Amino acid sequence: MSFSGKVKEELTKHISPARHCQIAELAAIMHFCGQYGCDKDGRYTIGFQTENEAVITKGFTLLKKTFNIDVDGFITEEQMAGFLSKIGNLDEPVSGLLLKNSCCQRAFLRGAFLSVGSMSDPQKGYHLEFVCTEEEKAEQLRGVMQGFGLDAKIVLRKKYHVVYLKEGSCIVDLLNICEAHKALMDFENLRIIKEMRNSVNRRVNCETANITKTVNAAARQIEDIEYLRDHYGFQNLPENLRQIAEVRLDNPDAPLKELGSYLNPPVGKSGVNHRLRRISELADRIRT
């Protein structure tokens, strides 16, 4: 099962204790993937357009708890009237009266994610999105998310309005808001492992680059020293440059600080670097 599927599985098992929160979550499910009407025999019907069986089960569970509507039973006109008075027109955003409390807003986001939400595998990247068919519903969803301090954005993808989050910290916050606590912990563990791996890779790459730089610099120094030896002669070098040239040839892999310790008297890293730079400048002059 995908990580997104695990989040939804956890959310389907969470039932808010308060009826107003249950209605807010049911409203989100209905407005994003629900339908209602009257069949050819004049019987009222309520259904959900989704391939996720767990979401369908959650929807009918909330119907039973909030309006005492049983999926296997007959929906009376009175029940349907009470349902419609709360849920409203599915072509429009959810009524703001259902989202006055922060707890109801949490339930609304939970229902929205169950209906049209998805997220990428956190081991590969951080991306969570809600795919909405109507712009007004996408704007309402973004507004609720921004009310919790989430940096939600909307992008038009073909005919859909996609509300999305890209930051790992924002996705963690949303999982917490929706009360998907197990998924949140799993996400955080994967995020920590990924960030540690990236940190190690950066350090290794940095150290590798430094080693490569040091090796290349030493190779150039030895090339310049050998050129001076063959075309100028060590006997023509000042004593301090002759010493460092001989020490470098004897220790081709040694770092500058170590080279300085072999001199008499010992010289610091900056002093060694200065002498080797003078040798390179001299070699360049002779080459030209």
C-alpha atoms as a PDB file:
ATOM      1  CA  MET A   1       0.000   0.000   0.000  1.00  0.00           C
ATOM      2  CA  SER A   2       1.251   3.471  -0.870  1.00  0.00           C
ATOM      3  CA  PHE A   3       2.003   6.008   1.862  1.00  0.00           C
ATOM      4  CA  SER A   4      -0.987   8.039   0.701  1.00  0.00           C
ATOM      5  CA  GLY A   5      -3.178   4.944   1.028  1.00  0.00           C
ATOM      6  CA  LYS A   6      -1.928   4.371   4.571  1.00  0.00           C
ATOM      7  CA  VAL A   7      -2.849   7.942   5.512  1.00  0.00           C
ATOM      8  CA  LYS A   8      -6.369   7.465   4.170  1.00  0.00           C
ATOM      9  CA  GLU A   9      -6.709   4.126   5.911  1.00  0.00           C
ATOM     10  CA  GLU A  10      -5.886   5.801   9.212  1.00  0.00           C
ATOM     11  CA  LEU A  11      -8.253   8.702   8.571  1.00  0.00           C
ATOM     12  CA  THR A  12     -11.189   6.433   7.750  1.00  0.00           C
ATOM     13  CA  LYS A  13     -10.919   4.924  11.216  1.00  0.00           C
ATOM     14  CA  HIS A  14     -11.048   8.299  12.962  1.00  0.00           C
ATOM     15  CA  ILE A  15     -14.572   9.339  13.952  1.00  0.00           C
ATOM     16  CA  SER A  16     -14.983  12.728  15.647  1.00  0.00           C
ATOM     17  CA  PRO A  17     -16.994  12.500  18.884  1.00  0.00           C
ATOM     18  CA  ALA A  18     -18.927  15.719  18.163  1.00  0.00           C
ATOM     19  CA  ARG A  19     -21.822  15.662  15.702  1.00  0.00           C
ATOM     20  CA  HIS A  20     -20.955  19.078  14.254  1.00  0.00           C
ATOM     21  CA  CYS A  21     -17.490  17.788  13.334  1.00  0.00           C
ATOM     22  CA  GLN A  22     -18.968  14.643  11.832  1.00  0.00           C
ATOM     23  CA  ILE A  23     -21.257  16.794   9.670  1.00  0.00           C
ATOM     24  CA  ALA A  24     -18.316  18.980   8.554  1.00  0.00           C
ATOM     25  CA  GLU A  25     -16.342  15.910   7.482  1.00  0.00           C
ATOM     26  CA  LEU A  26     -19.379  14.391   5.769  1.00  0.00           C
ATOM     27  CA  ALA A  27     -19.987  17.704   3.974  1.00  0.00           C
ATOM     28  CA  ALA A  28     -16.421  17.650   2.640  1.00  0.00           C
ATOM     29  CA  ILE A  29     -16.803  14.079   1.382  1.00  0.00           C
ATOM     30  CA  MET A  30     -20.143  14.882  -0.233  1.00  0.00           C
ATOM     31  CA  HIS A  31     -18.969  18.099  -1.898  1.00  0.00           C
ATOM     32  CA  PHE A  32     -15.794  16.523  -3.278  1.00  0.00           C
ATOM     33  CA  CYS A  33     -16.978  13.040  -4.276  1.00  0.00           C
ATOM     34  CA  GLY A  34     -20.638  12.661  -3.244  1.00  0.00           C
ATOM     35  CA  GLN A  35     -23.934  12.713  -5.077  1.00  0.00           C
ATOM     36  CA  TYR A  36     -27.607  12.672  -4.180  1.00  0.00           C
ATOM     37  CA  GLY A  37     -30.888  12.652  -6.024  1.00  0.00           C
ATOM     38  CA  CYS A  38     -34.083  10.783  -6.702  1.00  0.00           C
ATOM     39  CA  ASP A  39     -34.307   7.572  -8.745  1.00  0.00           C
ATOM     40  CA  LYS A  40     -36.968   6.759 -11.357  1.00  0.00           C
ATOM     41  CA  ASP A  41     -39.190   5.275  -8.673  1.00  0.00           C
ATOM     42  CA  GLY A  42     -39.151   8.472  -6.657  1.00  0.00           C
ATOM     43  CA  ARG A  43     -36.820   7.139  -3.971  1.00  0.00           C
ATOM     44  CA  TYR A  44     -34.102   9.384  -2.584  1.00  0.00           C
ATOM     45  CA  THR A  45     -30.501   8.235  -3.079  1.00  0.00           C
ATOM     46  CA  ILE A  46     -27.129   9.227  -1.666  1.00  0.00           C
ATOM     47  CA  GLY A  47     -23.819   7.887  -2.975  1.00  0.00           C
ATOM     48  CA  PHE A  48     -20.090   8.476  -3.377  1.00  0.00           C
ATOM     49  CA  GLN A  49     -18.032   8.531  -6.573  1.00  0.00           C
ATOM     50  CA  THR A  50     -14.723   7.002  -5.504  1.00  0.00           C
ATOM     51  CA  GLU A  51     -12.795   3.779  -6.003  1.00  0.00           C
ATOM     52  CA  ASN A  52     -11.667   3.795  -2.376  1.00  0.00           C
ATOM     53  CA  GLU A  53     -13.923   1.390  -0.458  1.00  0.00           C
ATOM     54  CA  ALA A  54     -12.744   2.793   2.871  1.00  0.00           C
ATOM     55  CA  VAL A  55     -13.926   6.294   1.913  1.00  0.00           C
ATOM     56  CA  ILE A  56     -17.338   4.919   0.938  1.00  0.00           C
ATOM     57  CA  THR A  57     -17.562   3.087   4.258  1.00  0.00           C
ATOM     58  CA  LYS A  58     -16.577   6.265   6.130  1.00  0.00           C
ATOM     59  CA  GLY A  59     -19.190   8.280   4.246  1.00  0.00           C
ATOM     60  CA  PHE A  60     -22.039   5.915   5.048  1.00  0.00           C
ATOM     61  CA  THR A  61     -20.843   5.613   8.658  1.00  0.00           C
ATOM     62  CA  LEU A  62     -21.101   9.392   9.017  1.00  0.00           C
ATOM     63  CA  LEU A  63     -24.517   9.380   7.322  1.00  0.00           C
ATOM     64  CA  LYS A  64     -25.751   6.899   9.902  1.00  0.00           C
ATOM     65  CA  LYS A  65     -24.296   8.798  12.851  1.00  0.00           C
ATOM     66  CA  THR A  66     -25.383  12.291  11.790  1.00  0.00           C
ATOM     67  CA  PHE A  67     -28.718  11.807  10.014  1.00  0.00           C
ATOM     68  CA  ASN A  68     -29.603   8.223  10.943  1.00  0.00           C
ATOM     69  CA  ILE A  69     -29.561   7.310   7.256  1.00  0.00           C
ATOM     70  CA  ASP A  70     -28.817   3.647   6.666  1.00  0.00           C
ATOM     71  CA  VAL A  71     -27.250   2.602   3.380  1.00  0.00           C
ATOM     72  CA  ASP A  72     -29.430  -0.489   3.253  1.00  0.00           C
ATOM     73  CA  GLY A  73     -32.595   1.287   4.299  1.00  0.00           C
ATOM     74  CA  PHE A  74     -35.178   3.615   2.775  1.00  0.00           C
ATOM     75  CA  ILE A  75     -34.406   7.351   2.928  1.00  0.00           C
ATOM     76  CA  THR A  76     -37.505   9.226   4.010  1.00  0.00           C
ATOM     77  CA  GLU A  77     -38.403  12.656   2.720  1.00  0.00           C
ATOM     78  CA  GLU A  78     -37.897  14.042   6.212  1.00  0.00           C
ATOM     79  CA  GLN A  79     -34.408  12.544   6.446  1.00  0.00           C
ATOM     80  CA  MET A  80     -33.494  13.886   3.022  1.00  0.00           C
ATOM     81  CA  ALA A  81     -34.776  17.341   3.912  1.00  0.00           C
ATOM     82  CA  GLY A  82     -32.674  17.394   7.083  1.00  0.00           C
ATOM     83  CA  PHE A  83     -29.662  16.169   5.128  1.00  0.00           C
ATOM     84  CA  LEU A  84     -30.042  18.782   2.387  1.00  0.00           C
ATOM     85  CA  SER A  85     -30.528  21.608   4.875  1.00  0.00           C
ATOM     86  CA  LYS A  86     -27.046  20.915   6.255  1.00  0.00           C
ATOM     87  CA  ILE A  87     -25.071  19.642   3.270  1.00  0.00           C
ATOM     88  CA  GLY A  88     -26.492  22.055   0.703  1.00  0.00           C
ATOM     89  CA  ASN A  89     -25.863  22.288  -3.043  1.00  0.00           C
ATOM     90  CA  LEU A  90     -22.926  20.075  -4.053  1.00  0.00           C
ATOM     91  CA  ASP A  91     -22.031  22.412  -6.925  1.00  0.00           C
ATOM     92  CA  GLU A  92     -21.080  25.088  -4.396  1.00  0.00           C
ATOM     93  CA  PRO A  93     -18.450  25.184  -1.619  1.00  0.00           C
ATOM     94  CA  VAL A  94     -19.345  23.847   1.816  1.00  0.00           C
ATOM     95  CA  SER A  95     -21.427  26.282   3.863  1.00  0.00           C
ATOM     96  CA  GLY A  96     -19.283  28.490   6.072  1.00  0.00           C
ATOM     97  CA  LEU A  97     -21.719  27.818   8.922  1.00  0.00           C
ATOM     98  CA  LEU A  98     -20.343  24.273   9.113  1.00  0.00           C
ATOM     99  CA  LEU A  99     -16.757  25.526   9.407  1.00  0.00           C
ATOM    100  CA  LYS A 100     -17.005  28.127  12.165  1.00  0.00           C
ATOM    101  CA  ASN A 101     -15.010  26.083  14.691  1.00  0.00           C
ATOM    102  CA  SER A 102     -11.390  24.991  14.228  1.00  0.00           C
ATOM    103  CA  CYS A 103     -12.356  21.421  15.150  1.00  0.00           C
ATOM    104  CA  CYS A 104     -14.868  21.397  12.276  1.00  0.00           C
ATOM    105  CA  GLN A 105     -12.226  22.833   9.937  1.00  0.00           C
ATOM    106  CA  ARG A 106      -9.936  19.943  10.900  1.00  0.00           C
ATOM    107  CA  ALA A 107     -12.734  17.494  10.122  1.00  0.00           C
ATOM    108  CA  PHE A 108     -13.378  19.258   6.808  1.00  0.00           C
ATOM    109  CA  LEU A 109      -9.719  18.865   5.781  1.00  0.00           C
ATOM    110  CA  ARG A 110      -9.819  15.219   6.819  1.00  0.00           C
ATOM    111  CA  GLY A 111     -12.857  14.601   4.619  1.00  0.00           C
ATOM    112  CA  ALA A 112     -11.280  16.538   1.741  1.00  0.00           C
ATOM    113  CA  PHE A 113      -8.091  14.482   1.854  1.00  0.00           C
ATOM    114  CA  LEU A 114     -10.066  11.248   1.950  1.00  0.00           C
ATOM    115  CA  SER A 115     -12.044  12.353  -1.103  1.00  0.00           C
ATOM    116  CA  VAL A 116      -9.568  14.091  -3.421  1.00  0.00           C
ATOM    117  CA  GLY A 117      -6.241  14.142  -1.578  1.00  0.00           C
ATOM    118  CA  SER A 118      -3.002  12.300  -2.249  1.00  0.00           C
ATOM    119  CA  MET A 119       0.659  12.583  -1.369  1.00  0.00           C
ATOM    120  CA  SER A 120       3.939  11.302  -2.736  1.00  0.00           C
ATOM    121  CA  ASP A 121       6.177   8.768  -1.037  1.00  0.00           C
ATOM    122  CA  PRO A 122       8.216  10.875   1.448  1.00  0.00           C
ATOM    123  CA  GLN A 123      11.299   8.817   0.619  1.00  0.00           C
ATOM    124  CA  LYS A 124      11.178  10.245  -2.897  1.00  0.00           C
ATOM    125  CA  GLY A 125       9.875  13.770  -2.333  1.00  0.00           C
ATOM    126  CA  TYR A 126       7.490  16.009  -0.428  1.00  0.00           C
ATOM    127  CA  HIS A 127       4.251  16.747  -2.242  1.00  0.00           C
ATOM    128  CA  LEU A 128       0.646  16.676  -1.024  1.00  0.00           C
ATOM    129  CA  GLU A 129      -2.293  17.775  -3.146  1.00  0.00           C
ATOM    130  CA  PHE A 130      -6.060  18.011  -3.445  1.00  0.00           C
ATOM    131  CA  VAL A 131      -7.499  17.773  -6.961  1.00  0.00           C
ATOM    132  CA  CYS A 132     -10.672  19.873  -7.245  1.00  0.00           C
ATOM    133  CA  THR A 133     -13.054  20.144 -10.173  1.00  0.00           C
ATOM    134  CA  GLU A 134     -14.326  23.634  -9.211  1.00  0.00           C
ATOM    135  CA  GLU A 135     -12.181  26.700  -8.598  1.00  0.00           C
ATOM    136  CA  GLU A 136     -14.429  27.931  -5.749  1.00  0.00           C
ATOM    137  CA  LYS A 137     -13.983  24.689  -3.831  1.00  0.00           C
ATOM    138  CA  ALA A 138     -10.221  24.843  -4.344  1.00  0.00           C
ATOM    139  CA  GLU A 139     -10.163  28.414  -3.027  1.00  0.00           C
ATOM    140  CA  GLN A 140     -12.207  27.436   0.025  1.00  0.00           C
ATOM    141  CA  LEU A 141      -9.877  24.518   0.719  1.00  0.00           C
ATOM    142  CA  ARG A 142      -6.801  26.729   0.395  1.00  0.00           C
ATOM    143  CA  GLY A 143      -8.390  29.311   2.684  1.00  0.00           C
ATOM    144  CA  VAL A 144      -9.039  26.748   5.411  1.00  0.00           C
ATOM    145  CA  MET A 145      -5.481  25.457   5.118  1.00  0.00           C
ATOM    146  CA  GLN A 146      -4.029  28.966   5.260  1.00  0.00           C
ATOM    147  CA  GLY A 147      -6.082  29.563   8.393  1.00  0.00           C
ATOM    148  CA  PHE A 148      -3.895  26.920  10.041  1.00  0.00           C
ATOM    149  CA  GLY A 149      -0.747  28.651   8.811  1.00  0.00           C
ATOM    150  CA  LEU A 150      -0.139  26.291   5.881  1.00  0.00           C
ATOM    151  CA  ASP A 151       1.453  27.762   2.751  1.00  0.00           C
ATOM    152  CA  ALA A 152      -1.029  26.187   0.327  1.00  0.00           C
ATOM    153  CA  LYS A 153      -0.980  27.136  -3.352  1.00  0.00           C
ATOM    154  CA  ILE A 154      -3.228  26.441  -6.341  1.00  0.00           C
ATOM    155  CA  VAL A 155      -2.159  25.421  -9.831  1.00  0.00           C
ATOM    156  CA  LEU A 156      -4.359  24.722 -12.844  1.00  0.00           C
ATOM    157  CA  ARG A 157      -3.694  21.223 -14.228  1.00  0.00           C
ATOM    158  CA  LYS A 158      -5.725  20.597 -17.359  1.00  0.00           C
ATOM    159  CA  LYS A 159      -9.318  21.146 -16.214  1.00  0.00           C
ATOM    160  CA  TYR A 160      -8.589  20.658 -12.501  1.00  0.00           C
ATOM    161  CA  HIS A 161      -7.665  23.138  -9.772  1.00  0.00           C
ATOM    162  CA  VAL A 162      -4.963  21.522  -7.633  1.00  0.00           C
ATOM    163  CA  VAL A 163      -4.313  22.754  -4.091  1.00  0.00           C
ATOM    164  CA  TYR A 164      -0.858  21.630  -3.003  1.00  0.00           C
ATOM    165  CA  LEU A 165       1.858  21.713  -0.339  1.00  0.00           C
ATOM    166  CA  LYS A 166       5.556  21.214  -1.146  1.00  0.00           C
ATOM    167  CA  GLU A 167       7.305  21.739   2.183  1.00  0.00           C
ATOM    168  CA  GLY A 168       7.850  18.718   4.425  1.00  0.00           C
ATOM    169  CA  SER A 169       7.062  20.773   7.549  1.00  0.00           C
ATOM    170  CA  CYS A 170       3.716  21.901   6.083  1.00  0.00           C
ATOM    171  CA  ILE A 171       2.775  18.317   5.232  1.00  0.00           C
ATOM    172  CA  VAL A 172       3.601  17.288   8.795  1.00  0.00           C
ATOM    173  CA  ASP A 173       1.375  20.081  10.096  1.00  0.00           C
ATOM    174  CA  LEU A 174      -1.496  19.015   7.829  1.00  0.00           C
ATOM    175  CA  LEU A 175      -1.253  15.397   8.974  1.00  0.00           C
ATOM    176  CA  ASN A 176      -1.388  16.660  12.541  1.00  0.00           C
ATOM    177  CA  ILE A 177      -4.389  18.882  11.783  1.00  0.00           C
ATOM    178  CA  CYS A 178      -6.212  15.931  10.212  1.00  0.00           C
ATOM    179  CA  GLU A 179      -5.225  13.828  13.255  1.00  0.00           C
ATOM    180  CA  ALA A 180      -3.346  11.226  11.228  1.00  0.00           C
ATOM    181  CA  HIS A 181      -0.859  10.807  14.068  1.00  0.00           C
ATOM    182  CA  LYS A 182       0.559   7.415  13.086  1.00  0.00           C
ATOM    183  CA  ALA A 183       1.162   8.575   9.523  1.00  0.00           C
ATOM    184  CA  LEU A 184       2.744  11.747  10.914  1.00  0.00           C
ATOM    185  CA  MET A 185       5.269   9.728  12.953  1.00  0.00           C
ATOM    186  CA  ASP A 186       6.063   7.493   9.984  1.00  0.00           C
ATOM    187  CA  PHE A 187       6.514  10.569   7.781  1.00  0.00           C
ATOM    188  CA  GLU A 188       8.801  12.240  10.334  1.00  0.00           C
ATOM    189  CA  ASN A 189      10.929   9.096  10.690  1.00  0.00           C
ATOM    190  CA  LEU A 190      11.349   8.831   6.932  1.00  0.00           C
ATOM    191  CA  ARG A 191      12.076  12.565   6.704  1.00  0.00           C
ATOM    192  CA  ILE A 192      14.783  12.335   9.390  1.00  0.00           C
ATOM    193  CA  ILE A 193      16.429   9.380   7.653  1.00  0.00           C
ATOM    194  CA  LYS A 194      16.290  11.156   4.288  1.00  0.00           C
ATOM    195  CA  GLU A 195      17.730  14.399   5.661  1.00  0.00           C
ATOM    196  CA  MET A 196      20.502  12.533   7.505  1.00  0.00           C
ATOM    197  CA  ARG A 197      21.374  10.681   4.301  1.00  0.00           C
ATOM    198  CA  ASN A 198      21.424  13.941   2.361  1.00  0.00           C
ATOM    199  CA  SER A 199      23.601  15.547   5.027  1.00  0.00           C
ATOM    200  CA  VAL A 200      26.079  12.662   4.892  1.00  0.00           C
ATOM    201  CA  ASN A 201      26.132  12.815   1.090  1.00  0.00           C
ATOM    202  CA  ARG A 202      26.812  16.560   1.189  1.00  0.00           C
ATOM    203  CA  ARG A 203      29.676  16.083   3.621  1.00  0.00           C
ATOM    204  CA  VAL A 204      31.138  13.234   1.582  1.00  0.00           C
ATOM    205  CA  ASN A 205      30.855  15.282  -1.611  1.00  0.00           C
ATOM    206  CA  CYS A 206      32.466  18.258   0.101  1.00  0.00           C
ATOM    207  CA  GLU A 207      35.330  16.160   1.478  1.00  0.00           C
ATOM    208  CA  THR A 208      35.788  14.463  -1.883  1.00  0.00           C
ATOM    209  CA  ALA A 209      35.956  17.850  -3.583  1.00  0.00           C
ATOM    210  CA  ASN A 210      38.518  19.070  -1.046  1.00  0.00           C
ATOM    211  CA  ILE A 211      40.624  15.952  -1.497  1.00  0.00           C
ATOM    212  CA  THR A 212      40.463  16.285  -5.266  1.00  0.00           C
ATOM    213  CA  LYS A 213      41.432  19.952  -4.998  1.00  0.00           C
ATOM    214  CA  THR A 214      44.371  19.091  -2.725  1.00  0.00           C
ATOM    215  CA  VAL A 215      45.572  16.267  -4.981  1.00  0.00           C
ATOM    216  CA  ASN A 216      45.341  18.444  -8.099  1.00  0.00           C
ATOM    217  CA  ALA A 217      47.194  21.276  -6.375  1.00  0.00           C
ATOM    218  CA  ALA A 218      49.965  18.900  -5.237  1.00  0.00           C
ATOM    219  CA  ALA A 219      50.273  17.496  -8.763  1.00  0.00           C
ATOM    220  CA  ARG A 220      50.666  21.004 -10.216  1.00  0.00           C
ATOM    221  CA  GLN A 221      53.243  21.870  -7.558  1.00  0.00           C
ATOM    222  CA  ILE A 222      55.307  18.775  -8.327  1.00  0.00           C
ATOM    223  CA  GLU A 223      55.069  19.477 -12.066  1.00  0.00           C
ATOM    224  CA  ASP A 224      56.377  23.029 -11.500  1.00  0.00           C
ATOM    225  CA  ILE A 225      59.148  21.826  -9.191  1.00  0.00           C
ATOM    226  CA  GLU A 226      60.315  19.163 -11.670  1.00  0.00           C
ATOM    227  CA  TYR A 227      60.262  21.742 -14.460  1.00  0.00           C
ATOM    228  CA  LEU A 228      62.473  24.089 -12.416  1.00  0.00           C
ATOM    229  CA  ARG A 229      64.813  21.229 -11.512  1.00  0.00           C
ATOM    230  CA  ASP A 230      65.275  20.263 -15.165  1.00  0.00           C
ATOM    231  CA  HIS A 231      65.282  23.733 -16.777  1.00  0.00           C
ATOM    232  CA  TYR A 232      66.558  26.077 -14.073  1.00  0.00           C
ATOM    233  CA  GLY A 233      68.312  24.004 -11.425  1.00  0.00           C
ATOM    234  CA  PHE A 234      67.687  23.782  -7.703  1.00  0.00           C
ATOM    235  CA  GLN A 235      71.103  25.410  -7.108  1.00  0.00           C
ATOM    236  CA  ASN A 236      69.723  28.636  -8.561  1.00  0.00           C
ATOM    237  CA  LEU A 237      66.772  28.743  -6.171  1.00  0.00           C
ATOM    238  CA  PRO A 238      66.793  30.708  -2.924  1.00  0.00           C
ATOM    239  CA  GLU A 239      67.434  28.426   0.039  1.00  0.00           C
ATOM    240  CA  ASN A 240      63.862  28.612   1.381  1.00  0.00           C
ATOM    241  CA  LEU A 241      62.404  27.690  -2.023  1.00  0.00           C
ATOM    242  CA  ARG A 242      64.952  24.901  -2.595  1.00  0.00           C
ATOM    243  CA  GLN A 243      64.042  23.355   0.779  1.00  0.00           C
ATOM    244  CA  ILE A 244      60.312  23.329   0.138  1.00  0.00           C
ATOM    245  CA  ALA A 245      60.841  22.014  -3.396  1.00  0.00           C
ATOM    246  CA  GLU A 246      62.867  19.050  -2.130  1.00  0.00           C
ATOM    247  CA  VAL A 247      60.422  18.349   0.706  1.00  0.00           C
ATOM    248  CA  ARG A 248      57.448  18.408  -1.695  1.00  0.00           C
ATOM    249  CA  LEU A 249      59.150  15.957  -4.059  1.00  0.00           C
ATOM    250  CA  ASP A 250      59.913  13.623  -1.151  1.00  0.00           C
ATOM    251  CA  ASN A 251      56.318  13.886   0.164  1.00  0.00           C
ATOM    252  CA  PRO A 252      53.971  14.223  -2.841  1.00  0.00           C
ATOM    253  CA  ASP A 253      50.798  13.360  -0.881  1.00  0.00           C
ATOM    254  CA  ALA A 254      51.453  15.327   2.293  1.00  0.00           C
ATOM    255  CA  PRO A 255      49.217  18.319   3.195  1.00  0.00           C
ATOM    256  CA  LEU A 256      50.796  21.767   3.506  1.00  0.00           C
ATOM    257  CA  LYS A 257      50.854  21.743   7.301  1.00  0.00           C
ATOM    258  CA  GLU A 258      52.786  18.476   7.328  1.00  0.00           C
ATOM    259  CA  LEU A 259      55.249  19.763   4.733  1.00  0.00           C
ATOM    260  CA  GLY A 260      55.981  22.740   6.966  1.00  0.00           C
ATOM    261  CA  SER A 261      56.910  20.470   9.882  1.00  0.00           C
ATOM    262  CA  TYR A 262      59.677  18.871   7.755  1.00  0.00           C
ATOM    263  CA  LEU A 263      61.439  22.183   7.206  1.00  0.00           C
ATOM    264  CA  ASN A 264      64.202  23.526   9.416  1.00  0.00           C
ATOM    265  CA  PRO A 265      63.076  25.647  11.085  1.00  0.00           C
ATOM    266  CA  PRO A 266      59.425  24.486  10.769  1.00  0.00           C
ATOM    267  CA  VAL A 267      57.050  26.750   8.805  1.00  0.00           C
ATOM    268  CA  GLY A 268      53.313  27.166   9.120  1.00  0.00           C
ATOM    269  CA  LYS A 269      50.737  26.273   6.477  1.00  0.00           C
ATOM    270  CA  SER A 270      50.483  29.802   5.108  1.00  0.00           C
ATOM    271  CA  GLY A 271      54.288  30.057   4.845  1.00  0.00           C
ATOM    272  CA  VAL A 272      54.478  26.764   2.920  1.00  0.00           C
ATOM    273  CA  ASN A 273      51.686  27.899   0.606  1.00  0.00           C
ATOM    274  CA  HIS A 274      53.479  31.202  -0.026  1.00  0.00           C
ATOM    275  CA  ARG A 275      56.744  29.436  -0.980  1.00  0.00           C
ATOM    276  CA  LEU A 276      55.013  26.963  -3.297  1.00  0.00           C
ATOM    277  CA  ARG A 277      53.153  29.825  -4.968  1.00  0.00           C
ATOM    278  CA  ARG A 278      56.464  31.602  -5.600  1.00  0.00           C
ATOM    279  CA  ILE A 279      57.838  28.400  -7.161  1.00  0.00           C
ATOM    280  CA  SER A 280      54.807  28.167  -9.475  1.00  0.00           C
ATOM    281  CA  GLU A 281      55.193  31.829 -10.499  1.00  0.00           C
ATOM    282  CA  LEU A 282      58.881  31.266 -11.237  1.00  0.00           C
ATOM    283  CA  ALA A 283      58.124  28.154 -13.296  1.00  0.00           C
ATOM    284  CA  ASP A 284      55.510  30.093 -15.305  1.00  0.00           C
ATOM    285  CA  ARG A 285      57.994  32.868 -16.061  1.00  0.00           C
ATOM    286  CA  ILE A 286      60.624  30.404 -17.260  1.00  0.00           C
ATOM    287  CA  ARG A 287      58.071  28.558 -19.449  1.00  0.00           C
ATOM    288  CA  THR A 288      57.227  31.794 -21.237  1.00  0.00           C
END
